[in-house]
Amino acid sequence: MVIGITMIKIVPDHEKASYDALREIEGVKEIYHLFGEFDFFVILNVLDQAKLKSLLEEIRSERFVLDTWSLLVSKEESHSNFGMAFSQSKELAMS
């Protein structure tokens, strides 16, 4: 499974219609309404990165979507060496 996060900017006064449309898209797991530069914070969950790319393209093509800002979420255990490398570099810097 691949988890993605995207923030979405919507045409003003079309947030409700966009929210309803987003809820119907397969792979959209959670939608949070924001106050600020972006209107929605959306959590996506799909089988692989190709499906994530396709899902993001579908979201970007929605009628009232002006802009998106997306991230791919990585599980901590997939970067177990990163933590060790970071702690080793910190030890070297302190010595």
N, C-alpha and C. Protein backbone atom coordinates (compact mmCIF):
# COMPACT_ATOMS: atom_id res chain seq x y z
N MET A 1 0.84 -1.19 0.00
CA MET A 1 0.00 0.00 0.00
C MET A 1 0.88 1.25 0.00
N VAL A 2 0.41 2.27 -0.69
CA VAL A 2 1.10 3.54 -0.77
C VAL A 2 0.17 4.61 -0.21
N ILE A 3 0.71 5.44 0.67
CA ILE A 3 -0.06 6.53 1.25
C ILE A 3 0.48 7.83 0.71
N GLY A 4 -0.43 8.67 0.27
CA GLY A 4 -0.05 9.99 -0.21
C GLY A 4 -0.85 11.05 0.51
N ILE A 5 -0.31 12.24 0.53
CA ILE A 5 -1.00 13.39 1.12
C ILE A 5 -1.00 14.47 0.06
N THR A 6 -2.13 15.13 -0.12
CA THR A 6 -2.16 16.27 -1.02
C THR A 6 -2.98 17.38 -0.39
N MET A 7 -2.53 18.59 -0.61
CA MET A 7 -3.32 19.75 -0.22
C MET A 7 -3.88 20.33 -1.51
N ILE A 8 -5.12 20.76 -1.46
CA ILE A 8 -5.81 21.17 -2.67
C ILE A 8 -6.38 22.57 -2.51
N LYS A 9 -6.15 23.39 -3.53
CA LYS A 9 -6.71 24.74 -3.58
C LYS A 9 -7.89 24.70 -4.55
N ILE A 10 -9.03 25.24 -4.11
CA ILE A 10 -10.28 25.17 -4.86
C ILE A 10 -10.72 26.58 -5.28
N VAL A 11 -11.44 26.65 -6.40
CA VAL A 11 -12.04 27.91 -6.82
C VAL A 11 -12.93 28.41 -5.68
N PRO A 12 -12.82 29.68 -5.28
CA PRO A 12 -13.65 30.19 -4.18
C PRO A 12 -15.14 29.92 -4.39
N ASP A 13 -15.80 29.61 -3.30
CA ASP A 13 -17.24 29.33 -3.24
C ASP A 13 -17.64 28.01 -3.88
N HIS A 14 -16.68 27.13 -4.15
CA HIS A 14 -16.99 25.81 -4.71
C HIS A 14 -16.45 24.68 -3.83
N GLU A 15 -16.19 24.98 -2.57
CA GLU A 15 -15.63 24.00 -1.66
C GLU A 15 -16.57 22.82 -1.42
N LYS A 16 -17.85 23.09 -1.23
CA LYS A 16 -18.81 22.01 -0.94
C LYS A 16 -18.91 21.05 -2.13
N ALA A 17 -19.05 21.57 -3.33
CA ALA A 17 -19.13 20.70 -4.52
C ALA A 17 -17.85 19.90 -4.69
N SER A 18 -16.72 20.53 -4.44
CA SER A 18 -15.43 19.84 -4.56
C SER A 18 -15.28 18.76 -3.50
N TYR A 19 -15.69 19.08 -2.28
CA TYR A 19 -15.64 18.10 -1.19
C TYR A 19 -16.46 16.87 -1.56
N ASP A 20 -17.68 17.09 -2.04
CA ASP A 20 -18.56 15.98 -2.42
C ASP A 20 -17.94 15.14 -3.54
N ALA A 21 -17.33 15.80 -4.52
CA ALA A 21 -16.69 15.08 -5.63
C ALA A 21 -15.49 14.28 -5.14
N LEU A 22 -14.68 14.86 -4.25
CA LEU A 22 -13.51 14.16 -3.72
C LEU A 22 -13.90 12.92 -2.93
N ARG A 23 -14.99 13.01 -2.18
CA ARG A 23 -15.44 11.87 -1.38
C ARG A 23 -15.78 10.66 -2.24
N GLU A 24 -16.16 10.89 -3.49
CA GLU A 24 -16.56 9.81 -4.39
C GLU A 24 -15.38 9.14 -5.10
N ILE A 25 -14.20 9.69 -4.99
CA ILE A 25 -13.04 9.15 -5.70
C ILE A 25 -12.43 8.00 -4.91
N GLU A 26 -12.29 6.86 -5.57
CA GLU A 26 -11.69 5.70 -4.93
C GLU A 26 -10.22 5.98 -4.62
N GLY A 27 -9.81 5.70 -3.40
CA GLY A 27 -8.45 5.96 -2.96
C GLY A 27 -8.34 7.16 -2.03
N VAL A 28 -9.37 8.02 -2.03
CA VAL A 28 -9.41 9.15 -1.10
C VAL A 28 -9.93 8.60 0.23
N LYS A 29 -9.09 8.64 1.26
CA LYS A 29 -9.45 8.04 2.55
C LYS A 29 -9.95 9.06 3.56
N GLU A 30 -9.34 10.23 3.61
CA GLU A 30 -9.76 11.26 4.57
C GLU A 30 -9.62 12.62 3.92
N ILE A 31 -10.55 13.51 4.25
CA ILE A 31 -10.52 14.88 3.74
C ILE A 31 -10.71 15.83 4.92
N TYR A 32 -9.81 16.79 5.04
CA TYR A 32 -9.90 17.79 6.09
C TYR A 32 -9.99 19.17 5.45
N HIS A 33 -10.94 19.96 5.91
CA HIS A 33 -11.09 21.33 5.40
C HIS A 33 -10.07 22.22 6.11
N LEU A 34 -9.37 23.05 5.35
CA LEU A 34 -8.35 23.94 5.90
C LEU A 34 -8.77 25.39 5.74
N PHE A 35 -8.21 26.24 6.56
CA PHE A 35 -8.36 27.69 6.42
C PHE A 35 -6.96 28.24 6.20
N GLY A 36 -6.72 28.77 5.02
CA GLY A 36 -5.40 29.27 4.67
C GLY A 36 -5.21 29.20 3.17
N GLU A 37 -3.98 29.00 2.74
CA GLU A 37 -3.66 28.98 1.31
C GLU A 37 -4.36 27.84 0.58
N PHE A 38 -4.48 26.68 1.23
CA PHE A 38 -5.15 25.53 0.63
C PHE A 38 -6.48 25.30 1.32
N ASP A 39 -7.40 24.65 0.62
CA ASP A 39 -8.75 24.42 1.14
C ASP A 39 -8.94 23.04 1.75
N PHE A 40 -8.21 22.04 1.22
CA PHE A 40 -8.36 20.67 1.72
C PHE A 40 -7.00 20.02 1.93
N PHE A 41 -6.95 19.18 2.96
CA PHE A 41 -5.83 18.29 3.24
C PHE A 41 -6.41 16.90 3.05
N VAL A 42 -5.87 16.15 2.08
CA VAL A 42 -6.47 14.87 1.70
C VAL A 42 -5.45 13.75 1.87
N ILE A 43 -5.89 12.67 2.50
CA ILE A 43 -5.05 11.48 2.66
C ILE A 43 -5.52 10.44 1.66
N LEU A 44 -4.56 9.93 0.89
CA LEU A 44 -4.84 8.97 -0.17
C LEU A 44 -4.21 7.64 0.17
N ASN A 45 -4.84 6.54 -0.24
CA ASN A 45 -4.32 5.22 0.03
C ASN A 45 -4.60 4.34 -1.18
N VAL A 46 -3.54 3.91 -1.87
CA VAL A 46 -3.67 3.10 -3.07
C VAL A 46 -2.66 1.95 -3.05
N LEU A 47 -2.73 1.09 -4.08
CA LEU A 47 -1.87 -0.10 -4.10
C LEU A 47 -0.40 0.19 -4.41
N ASP A 48 -0.15 1.13 -5.33
CA ASP A 48 1.24 1.37 -5.73
C ASP A 48 1.40 2.82 -6.20
N GLN A 49 2.64 3.20 -6.51
CA GLN A 49 2.92 4.57 -6.90
C GLN A 49 2.29 4.94 -8.23
N ALA A 50 2.14 3.98 -9.14
CA ALA A 50 1.48 4.26 -10.41
C ALA A 50 0.03 4.65 -10.18
N LYS A 51 -0.64 3.93 -9.28
CA LYS A 51 -2.04 4.26 -8.97
C LYS A 51 -2.13 5.60 -8.25
N LEU A 52 -1.14 5.92 -7.43
CA LEU A 52 -1.12 7.22 -6.76
C LEU A 52 -1.00 8.34 -7.78
N LYS A 53 -0.12 8.16 -8.73
CA LYS A 53 0.05 9.17 -9.79
C LYS A 53 -1.25 9.36 -10.56
N SER A 54 -1.91 8.27 -10.88
CA SER A 54 -3.19 8.32 -11.60
C SER A 54 -4.26 9.02 -10.76
N LEU A 55 -4.29 8.71 -9.48
CA LEU A 55 -5.26 9.33 -8.58
C LEU A 55 -5.02 10.83 -8.47
N LEU A 56 -3.78 11.25 -8.37
CA LEU A 56 -3.46 12.67 -8.30
C LEU A 56 -3.84 13.39 -9.59
N GLU A 57 -3.64 12.74 -10.73
CA GLU A 57 -4.06 13.32 -12.00
C GLU A 57 -5.58 13.48 -12.05
N GLU A 58 -6.29 12.49 -11.53
CA GLU A 58 -7.75 12.58 -11.48
C GLU A 58 -8.20 13.74 -10.60
N ILE A 59 -7.57 13.90 -9.45
CA ILE A 59 -7.91 15.00 -8.55
C ILE A 59 -7.62 16.35 -9.22
N ARG A 60 -6.45 16.45 -9.85
CA ARG A 60 -6.08 17.71 -10.51
C ARG A 60 -7.02 18.07 -11.65
N SER A 61 -7.66 17.07 -12.25
CA SER A 61 -8.57 17.32 -13.37
C SER A 61 -9.98 17.67 -12.92
N GLU A 62 -10.24 17.58 -11.62
CA GLU A 62 -11.58 17.94 -11.12
C GLU A 62 -11.89 19.39 -11.47
N ARG A 63 -13.13 19.66 -11.71
CA ARG A 63 -13.60 20.94 -12.26
C ARG A 63 -13.12 22.19 -11.51
N PHE A 64 -13.17 22.20 -10.19
CA PHE A 64 -12.88 23.41 -9.43
C PHE A 64 -11.50 23.41 -8.76
N VAL A 65 -10.65 22.44 -9.09
CA VAL A 65 -9.31 22.38 -8.50
C VAL A 65 -8.39 23.37 -9.20
N LEU A 66 -7.81 24.28 -8.41
CA LEU A 66 -6.86 25.26 -8.95
C LEU A 66 -5.42 24.79 -8.84
N ASP A 67 -5.09 24.12 -7.73
CA ASP A 67 -3.70 23.75 -7.49
C ASP A 67 -3.66 22.61 -6.47
N THR A 68 -2.59 21.82 -6.52
CA THR A 68 -2.37 20.78 -5.51
C THR A 68 -0.91 20.83 -5.08
N TRP A 69 -0.66 20.32 -3.91
CA TRP A 69 0.69 20.16 -3.39
C TRP A 69 0.72 18.80 -2.73
N SER A 70 1.48 17.87 -3.30
CA SER A 70 1.40 16.47 -2.90
C SER A 70 2.70 15.95 -2.32
N LEU A 71 2.55 14.95 -1.43
CA LEU A 71 3.67 14.28 -0.80
C LEU A 71 3.41 12.78 -0.78
N LEU A 72 4.47 12.01 -0.85
CA LEU A 72 4.40 10.56 -0.70
C LEU A 72 4.84 10.24 0.72
N VAL A 73 4.05 9.46 1.43
CA VAL A 73 4.38 9.11 2.81
C VAL A 73 5.19 7.83 2.81
N SER A 74 6.27 7.81 3.58
CA SER A 74 7.14 6.64 3.68
C SER A 74 7.07 6.12 5.11
N LYS A 75 6.94 4.80 5.23
CA LYS A 75 6.92 4.21 6.57
C LYS A 75 8.32 4.24 7.17
N GLU A 76 8.38 4.47 8.46
CA GLU A 76 9.66 4.61 9.16
C GLU A 76 10.54 3.37 8.99
N GLU A 77 9.95 2.17 9.05
CA GLU A 77 10.76 0.96 8.97
C GLU A 77 11.45 0.80 7.62
N SER A 78 10.94 1.48 6.59
CA SER A 78 11.59 1.39 5.28
C SER A 78 12.89 2.20 5.26
N HIS A 79 13.12 2.99 6.28
CA HIS A 79 14.33 3.81 6.36
C HIS A 79 15.09 3.53 7.65
N SER A 80 15.16 2.26 8.03
CA SER A 80 15.82 1.92 9.29
C SER A 80 17.29 2.32 9.29
N ASN A 81 17.95 2.26 8.15
CA ASN A 81 19.36 2.65 8.08
C ASN A 81 19.54 4.15 8.22
N PHE A 82 18.54 4.93 7.86
CA PHE A 82 18.62 6.38 7.96
C PHE A 82 18.80 6.80 9.42
N GLY A 83 18.03 6.21 10.33
CA GLY A 83 18.13 6.53 11.75
C GLY A 83 19.51 6.21 12.29
N MET A 84 20.06 5.06 11.91
CA MET A 84 21.38 4.68 12.38
C MET A 84 22.44 5.63 11.81
N ALA A 85 22.33 5.94 10.54
CA ALA A 85 23.30 6.86 9.93
C ALA A 85 23.24 8.23 10.58
N PHE A 86 22.05 8.70 10.91
CA PHE A 86 21.90 10.00 11.55
C PHE A 86 22.55 9.98 12.93
N SER A 87 22.29 8.93 13.72
CA SER A 87 22.86 8.88 15.07
C SER A 87 24.38 8.75 15.01
N GLN A 88 24.91 8.02 14.03
CA GLN A 88 26.36 7.90 13.89
C GLN A 88 26.99 9.23 13.50
N SER A 89 26.33 9.97 12.60
CA SER A 89 26.91 11.25 12.20
C SER A 89 26.87 12.25 13.35
N LYS A 90 25.85 12.16 14.18
CA LYS A 90 25.75 13.04 15.34
C LYS A 90 26.89 12.73 16.33
N GLU A 91 27.16 11.44 16.53
CA GLU A 91 28.26 11.05 17.42
C GLU A 91 29.60 11.55 16.89
N LEU A 92 29.82 11.45 15.57
CA LEU A 92 31.07 11.91 14.98
C LEU A 92 31.22 13.42 15.14
N ALA A 93 30.14 14.15 14.99
CA ALA A 93 30.19 15.60 15.10
C ALA A 93 30.51 16.03 16.52
N MET A 94 30.10 15.23 17.50
CA MET A 94 30.32 15.60 18.91
C MET A 94 31.73 15.23 19.37
N SER A 95 32.41 14.35 18.64
CA SER A 95 33.75 13.93 19.10
C SER A 95 34.86 14.80 18.55
